[in-house]
Amino acid sequence: MAQIFPPYANTLAKVSVTLLAIAPLGLIFTLSAITRSPYQTNVDVALDQPAPFSHKHHVNQLGIDCRYCHSSVEKSSFAGIPPTHTCMSCHSQVWTNSPLLAVVRDSFKDDVPIEWNRVNKLPEFVYFNHAIHVDRGIHCNECHGPVQAMDLTYKAKAFTMVWCLDCHRNVEKHLYKDESHPERTPSEQIFQLYLKPQRGEPLSQREQAILRGITYNPTPAEITEGKKLMKEYKVDKEQLTDCSICHR
């Protein structure tokens, strides 16, 4: 009897079965890569804004304290978006005729808030409290990257759950005291760090990493100090890794 299938049919069948088995894994991997890519997360992408606000100019060059605009960051879950009259407290005197600031002047004149495009936004099912982090000395740049050096603001982190948990599971790596100013409160330490380079004060390796928005690997001694600060600040690591801390 003549052979129905050619000799290569067995090989073709094996390859087909293998591809069918791999295809779901490949699809999952591809979709995961897409959802975590800058295309989806907008990481490192500066969004168009009604007015081109530069943190670099206001913080690095003018030395304006973050809390002047983000006035609720120390006492509220929300850091706050400055109302137009905050902008006009300066721009009624400087750059008064700049076409770039026309939208700011119109907002103030018409008493209509500026519709800024939100750069960092968590899903509605996630709770985050800025005040509790600032009160424990967790620096803005830990989450927002080198915001003080941004000409146009962009998202520096994807804010994935595993990224948040990595910090909550290793809190001692992120807590420290400024040895040159040990009398400062944790929150004051955060905001004064932005001004230290302008005053010509020396920076530790940790502080240099924070200002650059990169991950710092603390020494064993620094980790030990971080554990002491956890007790001082009453940080309960077990509580921080409970689902209900973020999903309420």
C-alpha atoms as a PDB file:
ATOM      1  CA  MET A   1       0.000   0.000   0.000  1.00  0.00           C
ATOM      2  CA  ALA A   2       1.299   3.418  -0.944  1.00  0.00           C
ATOM      3  CA  GLN A   3       2.424   5.714   1.902  1.00  0.00           C
ATOM      4  CA  ILE A   4      -0.204   8.445   2.481  1.00  0.00           C
ATOM      5  CA  PHE A   5       1.997  10.950   4.321  1.00  0.00           C
ATOM      6  CA  PRO A   6       5.495  11.981   3.217  1.00  0.00           C
ATOM      7  CA  PRO A   7       8.480  11.292   5.568  1.00  0.00           C
ATOM      8  CA  TYR A   8       8.626  14.895   6.815  1.00  0.00           C
ATOM      9  CA  ALA A   9       5.011  14.740   8.081  1.00  0.00           C
ATOM     10  CA  ASN A  10       6.106  13.413  11.491  1.00  0.00           C
ATOM     11  CA  THR A  11       8.534  16.295  11.937  1.00  0.00           C
ATOM     12  CA  LEU A  12       5.874  18.779  10.845  1.00  0.00           C
ATOM     13  CA  ALA A  13       3.389  17.311  13.322  1.00  0.00           C
ATOM     14  CA  LYS A  14       5.876  17.504  16.191  1.00  0.00           C
ATOM     15  CA  VAL A  15       6.713  21.112  15.364  1.00  0.00           C
ATOM     16  CA  SER A  16       3.000  22.017  15.139  1.00  0.00           C
ATOM     17  CA  VAL A  17       2.201  20.442  18.515  1.00  0.00           C
ATOM     18  CA  THR A  18       5.193  22.217  20.109  1.00  0.00           C
ATOM     19  CA  LEU A  19       4.142  25.569  18.667  1.00  0.00           C
ATOM     20  CA  LEU A  20       0.566  25.083  19.890  1.00  0.00           C
ATOM     21  CA  ALA A  21       1.894  24.381  23.393  1.00  0.00           C
ATOM     22  CA  ILE A  22       4.203  27.407  23.346  1.00  0.00           C
ATOM     23  CA  ALA A  23       1.736  29.834  21.748  1.00  0.00           C
ATOM     24  CA  PRO A  24      -0.265  30.599  24.959  1.00  0.00           C
ATOM     25  CA  LEU A  25       2.943  31.285  26.869  1.00  0.00           C
ATOM     26  CA  GLY A  26       4.183  33.515  24.075  1.00  0.00           C
ATOM     27  CA  LEU A  27       0.894  35.393  24.024  1.00  0.00           C
ATOM     28  CA  ILE A  28       1.002  35.926  27.803  1.00  0.00           C
ATOM     29  CA  PHE A  29       4.612  37.116  27.631  1.00  0.00           C
ATOM     30  CA  THR A  30       3.845  39.497  24.747  1.00  0.00           C
ATOM     31  CA  LEU A  31       0.802  40.994  26.440  1.00  0.00           C
ATOM     32  CA  SER A  32       2.738  41.379  29.704  1.00  0.00           C
ATOM     33  CA  ALA A  33       5.578  43.132  27.884  1.00  0.00           C
ATOM     34  CA  ILE A  34       3.125  45.509  26.195  1.00  0.00           C
ATOM     35  CA  THR A  35       1.295  46.388  29.426  1.00  0.00           C
ATOM     36  CA  ARG A  36       4.612  47.127  31.166  1.00  0.00           C
ATOM     37  CA  SER A  37       6.128  49.082  28.270  1.00  0.00           C
ATOM     38  CA  PRO A  38       6.415  52.901  28.216  1.00  0.00           C
ATOM     39  CA  TYR A  39       3.769  52.834  25.460  1.00  0.00           C
ATOM     40  CA  GLN A  40       1.240  51.702  28.062  1.00  0.00           C
ATOM     41  CA  THR A  41       2.675  53.098  31.323  1.00  0.00           C
ATOM     42  CA  ASN A  42       3.919  56.438  29.907  1.00  0.00           C
ATOM     43  CA  VAL A  43       7.178  56.030  31.863  1.00  0.00           C
ATOM     44  CA  ASP A  44       9.765  58.618  30.690  1.00  0.00           C
ATOM     45  CA  VAL A  45       7.123  60.261  28.498  1.00  0.00           C
ATOM     46  CA  ALA A  46       6.534  63.962  29.128  1.00  0.00           C
ATOM     47  CA  LEU A  47       2.836  64.729  28.671  1.00  0.00           C
ATOM     48  CA  ASP A  48       1.615  67.838  26.893  1.00  0.00           C
ATOM     49  CA  GLN A  49       0.419  70.434  29.383  1.00  0.00           C
ATOM     50  CA  PRO A  50      -1.595  73.655  29.040  1.00  0.00           C
ATOM     51  CA  ALA A  51       1.530  75.541  30.190  1.00  0.00           C
ATOM     52  CA  PRO A  52       5.120  74.191  30.023  1.00  0.00           C
ATOM     53  CA  PHE A  53       5.930  74.036  33.740  1.00  0.00           C
ATOM     54  CA  SER A  54       9.594  73.267  34.551  1.00  0.00           C
ATOM     55  CA  HIS A  55      10.456  71.771  37.940  1.00  0.00           C
ATOM     56  CA  LYS A  56      14.131  72.227  37.062  1.00  0.00           C
ATOM     57  CA  HIS A  57      13.703  75.989  36.750  1.00  0.00           C
ATOM     58  CA  HIS A  58      11.543  76.431  39.840  1.00  0.00           C
ATOM     59  CA  VAL A  59      13.378  74.022  42.177  1.00  0.00           C
ATOM     60  CA  ASN A  60      16.993  73.873  40.997  1.00  0.00           C
ATOM     61  CA  GLN A  61      17.379  77.406  39.684  1.00  0.00           C
ATOM     62  CA  LEU A  62      15.012  79.396  41.915  1.00  0.00           C
ATOM     63  CA  GLY A  63      15.157  77.198  45.030  1.00  0.00           C
ATOM     64  CA  ILE A  64      11.383  77.185  45.596  1.00  0.00           C
ATOM     65  CA  ASP A  65      10.311  74.694  48.258  1.00  0.00           C
ATOM     66  CA  CYS A  66       8.106  71.857  46.939  1.00  0.00           C
ATOM     67  CA  ARG A  67       5.533  72.635  49.635  1.00  0.00           C
ATOM     68  CA  TYR A  68       4.890  76.084  48.200  1.00  0.00           C
ATOM     69  CA  CYS A  69       2.960  74.416  45.373  1.00  0.00           C
ATOM     70  CA  HIS A  70       2.236  70.969  46.865  1.00  0.00           C
ATOM     71  CA  SER A  71       0.917  72.433  50.079  1.00  0.00           C
ATOM     72  CA  SER A  72      -0.938  69.364  51.357  1.00  0.00           C
ATOM     73  CA  VAL A  73       1.830  66.789  50.900  1.00  0.00           C
ATOM     74  CA  GLU A  74       2.686  66.682  54.635  1.00  0.00           C
ATOM     75  CA  LYS A  75      -0.862  66.349  55.917  1.00  0.00           C
ATOM     76  CA  SER A  76      -2.954  64.672  53.238  1.00  0.00           C
ATOM     77  CA  SER A  77      -3.020  61.546  51.096  1.00  0.00           C
ATOM     78  CA  PHE A  78      -2.958  63.855  48.058  1.00  0.00           C
ATOM     79  CA  ALA A  79       0.119  66.001  47.411  1.00  0.00           C
ATOM     80  CA  GLY A  80      -2.033  68.708  45.866  1.00  0.00           C
ATOM     81  CA  ILE A  81      -2.081  70.538  42.533  1.00  0.00           C
ATOM     82  CA  PRO A  82      -1.472  74.266  43.000  1.00  0.00           C
ATOM     83  CA  PRO A  83      -4.427  76.550  42.247  1.00  0.00           C
ATOM     84  CA  THR A  84      -3.867  79.318  39.728  1.00  0.00           C
ATOM     85  CA  HIS A  85      -3.543  82.000  42.398  1.00  0.00           C
ATOM     86  CA  THR A  86      -0.408  80.203  43.660  1.00  0.00           C
ATOM     87  CA  CYS A  87       1.157  80.577  40.221  1.00  0.00           C
ATOM     88  CA  MET A  88       0.042  84.201  40.006  1.00  0.00           C
ATOM     89  CA  SER A  89       1.578  85.072  43.372  1.00  0.00           C
ATOM     90  CA  CYS A  90       4.835  85.192  41.398  1.00  0.00           C
ATOM     91  CA  HIS A  91       3.715  85.621  37.825  1.00  0.00           C
ATOM     92  CA  SER A  92       1.752  88.759  38.527  1.00  0.00           C
ATOM     93  CA  GLN A  93       5.228  90.281  38.979  1.00  0.00           C
ATOM     94  CA  VAL A  94       7.515  88.270  36.684  1.00  0.00           C
ATOM     95  CA  TRP A  95       7.039  87.041  33.116  1.00  0.00           C
ATOM     96  CA  THR A  96       3.797  89.011  33.136  1.00  0.00           C
ATOM     97  CA  ASN A  97       3.491  89.177  29.339  1.00  0.00           C
ATOM     98  CA  SER A  98       4.922  85.801  28.376  1.00  0.00           C
ATOM     99  CA  PRO A  99       2.740  84.086  25.742  1.00  0.00           C
ATOM    100  CA  LEU A 100       3.628  80.744  27.375  1.00  0.00           C
ATOM    101  CA  LEU A 101       1.738  81.846  30.491  1.00  0.00           C
ATOM    102  CA  ALA A 102      -1.350  83.195  28.737  1.00  0.00           C
ATOM    103  CA  VAL A 103      -3.382  80.175  29.883  1.00  0.00           C
ATOM    104  CA  VAL A 104      -2.382  80.904  33.494  1.00  0.00           C
ATOM    105  CA  ARG A 105      -3.416  84.556  33.250  1.00  0.00           C
ATOM    106  CA  ASP A 106      -6.705  83.631  31.570  1.00  0.00           C
ATOM    107  CA  SER A 107      -7.413  81.031  34.261  1.00  0.00           C
ATOM    108  CA  PHE A 108      -6.869  83.620  36.988  1.00  0.00           C
ATOM    109  CA  LYS A 109      -8.917  86.291  35.195  1.00  0.00           C
ATOM    110  CA  ASP A 110     -11.833  83.969  34.411  1.00  0.00           C
ATOM    111  CA  ASP A 111     -11.635  82.060  37.697  1.00  0.00           C
ATOM    112  CA  VAL A 112     -11.541  78.745  35.820  1.00  0.00           C
ATOM    113  CA  PRO A 113      -9.031  76.076  36.988  1.00  0.00           C
ATOM    114  CA  ILE A 114      -6.314  74.981  34.590  1.00  0.00           C
ATOM    115  CA  GLU A 115      -6.892  71.433  33.330  1.00  0.00           C
ATOM    116  CA  TRP A 116      -3.456  69.921  33.906  1.00  0.00           C
ATOM    117  CA  ASN A 117      -2.804  66.437  32.534  1.00  0.00           C
ATOM    118  CA  ARG A 118      -2.183  64.088  35.439  1.00  0.00           C
ATOM    119  CA  VAL A 119       1.325  62.585  35.181  1.00  0.00           C
ATOM    120  CA  ASN A 120       1.233  60.146  38.099  1.00  0.00           C
ATOM    121  CA  LYS A 121      -2.083  58.436  38.709  1.00  0.00           C
ATOM    122  CA  LEU A 122      -2.820  55.202  40.557  1.00  0.00           C
ATOM    123  CA  PRO A 123      -5.823  52.975  39.773  1.00  0.00           C
ATOM    124  CA  GLU A 124      -8.979  53.769  41.717  1.00  0.00           C
ATOM    125  CA  PHE A 125      -8.659  50.524  43.710  1.00  0.00           C
ATOM    126  CA  VAL A 126      -5.258  51.535  45.135  1.00  0.00           C
ATOM    127  CA  TYR A 127      -4.908  53.770  48.211  1.00  0.00           C
ATOM    128  CA  PHE A 128      -1.724  55.785  48.677  1.00  0.00           C
ATOM    129  CA  ASN A 129      -1.022  58.334  51.398  1.00  0.00           C
ATOM    130  CA  HIS A 130       1.652  60.927  50.647  1.00  0.00           C
ATOM    131  CA  ALA A 131       1.673  62.289  54.193  1.00  0.00           C
ATOM    132  CA  ILE A 132       2.582  59.016  55.920  1.00  0.00           C
ATOM    133  CA  HIS A 133       5.505  58.452  53.540  1.00  0.00           C
ATOM    134  CA  VAL A 134       6.833  62.001  53.872  1.00  0.00           C
ATOM    135  CA  ASP A 135       6.446  61.843  57.649  1.00  0.00           C
ATOM    136  CA  ARG A 136       8.744  58.784  57.679  1.00  0.00           C
ATOM    137  CA  GLY A 137      11.346  60.414  55.447  1.00  0.00           C
ATOM    138  CA  ILE A 138      10.624  58.544  52.204  1.00  0.00           C
ATOM    139  CA  HIS A 139      11.951  60.988  49.636  1.00  0.00           C
ATOM    140  CA  CYS A 140       9.809  62.239  46.734  1.00  0.00           C
ATOM    141  CA  ASN A 141      12.417  61.009  44.254  1.00  0.00           C
ATOM    142  CA  GLU A 142      12.048  57.429  45.465  1.00  0.00           C
ATOM    143  CA  CYS A 143       8.753  57.312  43.540  1.00  0.00           C
ATOM    144  CA  HIS A 144       8.891  60.300  41.201  1.00  0.00           C
ATOM    145  CA  GLY A 145      12.490  60.090  40.007  1.00  0.00           C
ATOM    146  CA  PRO A 146      14.734  63.188  39.669  1.00  0.00           C
ATOM    147  CA  VAL A 147      11.747  65.505  39.537  1.00  0.00           C
ATOM    148  CA  GLN A 148      13.820  68.538  40.547  1.00  0.00           C
ATOM    149  CA  ALA A 149      15.833  68.132  37.313  1.00  0.00           C
ATOM    150  CA  MET A 150      12.866  67.722  34.943  1.00  0.00           C
ATOM    151  CA  ASP A 151      12.287  70.485  32.401  1.00  0.00           C
ATOM    152  CA  LEU A 152       8.964  68.828  31.581  1.00  0.00           C
ATOM    153  CA  THR A 153       7.490  66.442  34.128  1.00  0.00           C
ATOM    154  CA  TYR A 154       7.291  62.767  33.262  1.00  0.00           C
ATOM    155  CA  LYS A 155       6.461  59.568  35.129  1.00  0.00           C
ATOM    156  CA  ALA A 156       9.670  57.913  36.337  1.00  0.00           C
ATOM    157  CA  LYS A 157       8.247  54.646  37.709  1.00  0.00           C
ATOM    158  CA  ALA A 158       5.556  52.289  36.449  1.00  0.00           C
ATOM    159  CA  PHE A 159       4.059  51.893  39.961  1.00  0.00           C
ATOM    160  CA  THR A 160       3.560  48.151  39.628  1.00  0.00           C
ATOM    161  CA  MET A 161       2.413  46.244  42.705  1.00  0.00           C
ATOM    162  CA  VAL A 162       5.629  44.223  42.870  1.00  0.00           C
ATOM    163  CA  TRP A 163       7.629  47.483  42.916  1.00  0.00           C
ATOM    164  CA  CYS A 164       5.595  48.852  45.834  1.00  0.00           C
ATOM    165  CA  LEU A 165       5.873  45.558  47.719  1.00  0.00           C
ATOM    166  CA  ASP A 166       9.629  45.459  47.255  1.00  0.00           C
ATOM    167  CA  CYS A 167       9.851  48.720  49.185  1.00  0.00           C
ATOM    168  CA  HIS A 168       7.374  47.641  51.866  1.00  0.00           C
ATOM    169  CA  ARG A 169       9.271  44.386  52.390  1.00  0.00           C
ATOM    170  CA  ASN A 170      12.605  46.214  52.688  1.00  0.00           C
ATOM    171  CA  VAL A 171      11.693  49.468  54.424  1.00  0.00           C
ATOM    172  CA  GLU A 172      14.984  49.567  56.314  1.00  0.00           C
ATOM    173  CA  LYS A 173      16.806  50.168  53.019  1.00  0.00           C
ATOM    174  CA  HIS A 174      14.940  53.428  52.462  1.00  0.00           C
ATOM    175  CA  LEU A 175      15.086  55.068  55.906  1.00  0.00           C
ATOM    176  CA  TYR A 176      18.050  57.198  56.900  1.00  0.00           C
ATOM    177  CA  LYS A 177      19.099  60.225  58.899  1.00  0.00           C
ATOM    178  CA  ASP A 178      21.091  63.099  57.427  1.00  0.00           C
ATOM    179  CA  GLU A 179      24.249  62.941  59.562  1.00  0.00           C
ATOM    180  CA  SER A 180      25.080  66.567  58.796  1.00  0.00           C
ATOM    181  CA  HIS A 181      21.683  67.740  60.141  1.00  0.00           C
ATOM    182  CA  PRO A 182      20.406  65.068  62.576  1.00  0.00           C
ATOM    183  CA  GLU A 183      18.073  67.571  64.232  1.00  0.00           C
ATOM    184  CA  ARG A 184      15.809  67.818  61.196  1.00  0.00           C
ATOM    185  CA  THR A 185      12.485  66.029  61.086  1.00  0.00           C
ATOM    186  CA  PRO A 186      12.133  63.345  58.398  1.00  0.00           C
ATOM    187  CA  SER A 187       9.952  65.564  56.209  1.00  0.00           C
ATOM    188  CA  GLU A 188      12.259  68.582  56.585  1.00  0.00           C
ATOM    189  CA  GLN A 189      15.181  66.360  55.639  1.00  0.00           C
ATOM    190  CA  ILE A 190      13.412  65.521  52.372  1.00  0.00           C
ATOM    191  CA  PHE A 191      12.828  69.068  51.229  1.00  0.00           C
ATOM    192  CA  GLN A 192      16.152  70.449  52.446  1.00  0.00           C
ATOM    193  CA  LEU A 193      18.015  67.872  50.358  1.00  0.00           C
ATOM    194  CA  TYR A 194      16.964  69.717  47.192  1.00  0.00           C
ATOM    195  CA  LEU A 195      18.648  72.866  48.519  1.00  0.00           C
ATOM    196  CA  LYS A 196      21.903  71.319  49.752  1.00  0.00           C
ATOM    197  CA  PRO A 197      23.645  71.437  46.332  1.00  0.00           C
ATOM    198  CA  GLN A 198      22.684  75.112  45.969  1.00  0.00           C
ATOM    199  CA  ARG A 199      24.266  75.857  49.342  1.00  0.00           C
ATOM    200  CA  GLY A 200      27.394  73.941  48.424  1.00  0.00           C
ATOM    201  CA  GLU A 201      26.883  71.360  51.174  1.00  0.00           C
ATOM    202  CA  PRO A 202      28.498  67.933  50.680  1.00  0.00           C
ATOM    203  CA  LEU A 203      26.229  65.051  49.708  1.00  0.00           C
ATOM    204  CA  SER A 204      26.512  61.454  50.834  1.00  0.00           C
ATOM    205  CA  GLN A 205      26.453  58.664  48.253  1.00  0.00           C
ATOM    206  CA  ARG A 206      22.858  57.926  49.239  1.00  0.00           C
ATOM    207  CA  GLU A 207      21.834  61.560  48.763  1.00  0.00           C
ATOM    208  CA  GLN A 208      23.537  61.712  45.369  1.00  0.00           C
ATOM    209  CA  ALA A 209      21.623  58.601  44.283  1.00  0.00           C
ATOM    210  CA  ILE A 210      18.319  60.022  45.563  1.00  0.00           C
ATOM    211  CA  LEU A 211      18.771  63.277  43.665  1.00  0.00           C
ATOM    212  CA  ARG A 212      19.642  61.353  40.502  1.00  0.00           C
ATOM    213  CA  GLY A 213      16.582  59.140  40.968  1.00  0.00           C
ATOM    214  CA  ILE A 214      18.539  55.885  40.928  1.00  0.00           C
ATOM    215  CA  THR A 215      18.436  52.879  43.253  1.00  0.00           C
ATOM    216  CA  TYR A 216      20.861  53.015  46.175  1.00  0.00           C
ATOM    217  CA  ASN A 217      22.197  49.862  47.801  1.00  0.00           C
ATOM    218  CA  PRO A 218      22.803  50.667  51.481  1.00  0.00           C
ATOM    219  CA  THR A 219      25.703  49.241  53.444  1.00  0.00           C
ATOM    220  CA  PRO A 220      25.080  46.726  56.287  1.00  0.00           C
ATOM    221  CA  ALA A 221      25.612  49.546  58.784  1.00  0.00           C
ATOM    222  CA  GLU A 222      23.035  51.727  57.002  1.00  0.00           C
ATOM    223  CA  ILE A 223      20.544  48.847  56.987  1.00  0.00           C
ATOM    224  CA  THR A 224      21.061  48.443  60.749  1.00  0.00           C
ATOM    225  CA  GLU A 225      20.400  52.165  61.182  1.00  0.00           C
ATOM    226  CA  GLY A 226      17.308  51.821  59.006  1.00  0.00           C
ATOM    227  CA  LYS A 227      15.963  49.088  61.292  1.00  0.00           C
ATOM    228  CA  LYS A 228      16.451  51.394  64.295  1.00  0.00           C
ATOM    229  CA  LEU A 229      14.504  54.108  62.504  1.00  0.00           C
ATOM    230  CA  MET A 230      11.713  51.618  61.775  1.00  0.00           C
ATOM    231  CA  LYS A 231      11.269  51.174  65.533  1.00  0.00           C
ATOM    232  CA  GLU A 232      11.533  54.919  66.141  1.00  0.00           C
ATOM    233  CA  TYR A 233       8.935  55.702  63.465  1.00  0.00           C
ATOM    234  CA  LYS A 234       6.758  52.737  64.534  1.00  0.00           C
ATOM    235  CA  VAL A 235       6.881  51.105  61.106  1.00  0.00           C
ATOM    236  CA  ASP A 236       5.344  47.616  61.153  1.00  0.00           C
ATOM    237  CA  LYS A 237       6.668  45.674  58.149  1.00  0.00           C
ATOM    238  CA  GLU A 238       4.117  42.897  58.606  1.00  0.00           C
ATOM    239  CA  GLN A 239       1.301  45.424  58.413  1.00  0.00           C
ATOM    240  CA  LEU A 240       2.822  47.066  55.346  1.00  0.00           C
ATOM    241  CA  THR A 241       2.676  43.803  53.398  1.00  0.00           C
ATOM    242  CA  ASP A 242      -0.983  43.193  54.222  1.00  0.00           C
ATOM    243  CA  CYS A 243      -3.253  43.586  51.180  1.00  0.00           C
ATOM    244  CA  SER A 244      -5.580  45.956  53.042  1.00  0.00           C
ATOM    245  CA  ILE A 245      -2.841  48.575  53.459  1.00  0.00           C
ATOM    246  CA  CYS A 246      -3.268  49.576  49.796  1.00  0.00           C
ATOM    247  CA  HIS A 247      -6.493  47.869  48.713  1.00  0.00           C
ATOM    248  CA  ARG A 248      -9.266  49.262  50.901  1.00  0.00           C
END
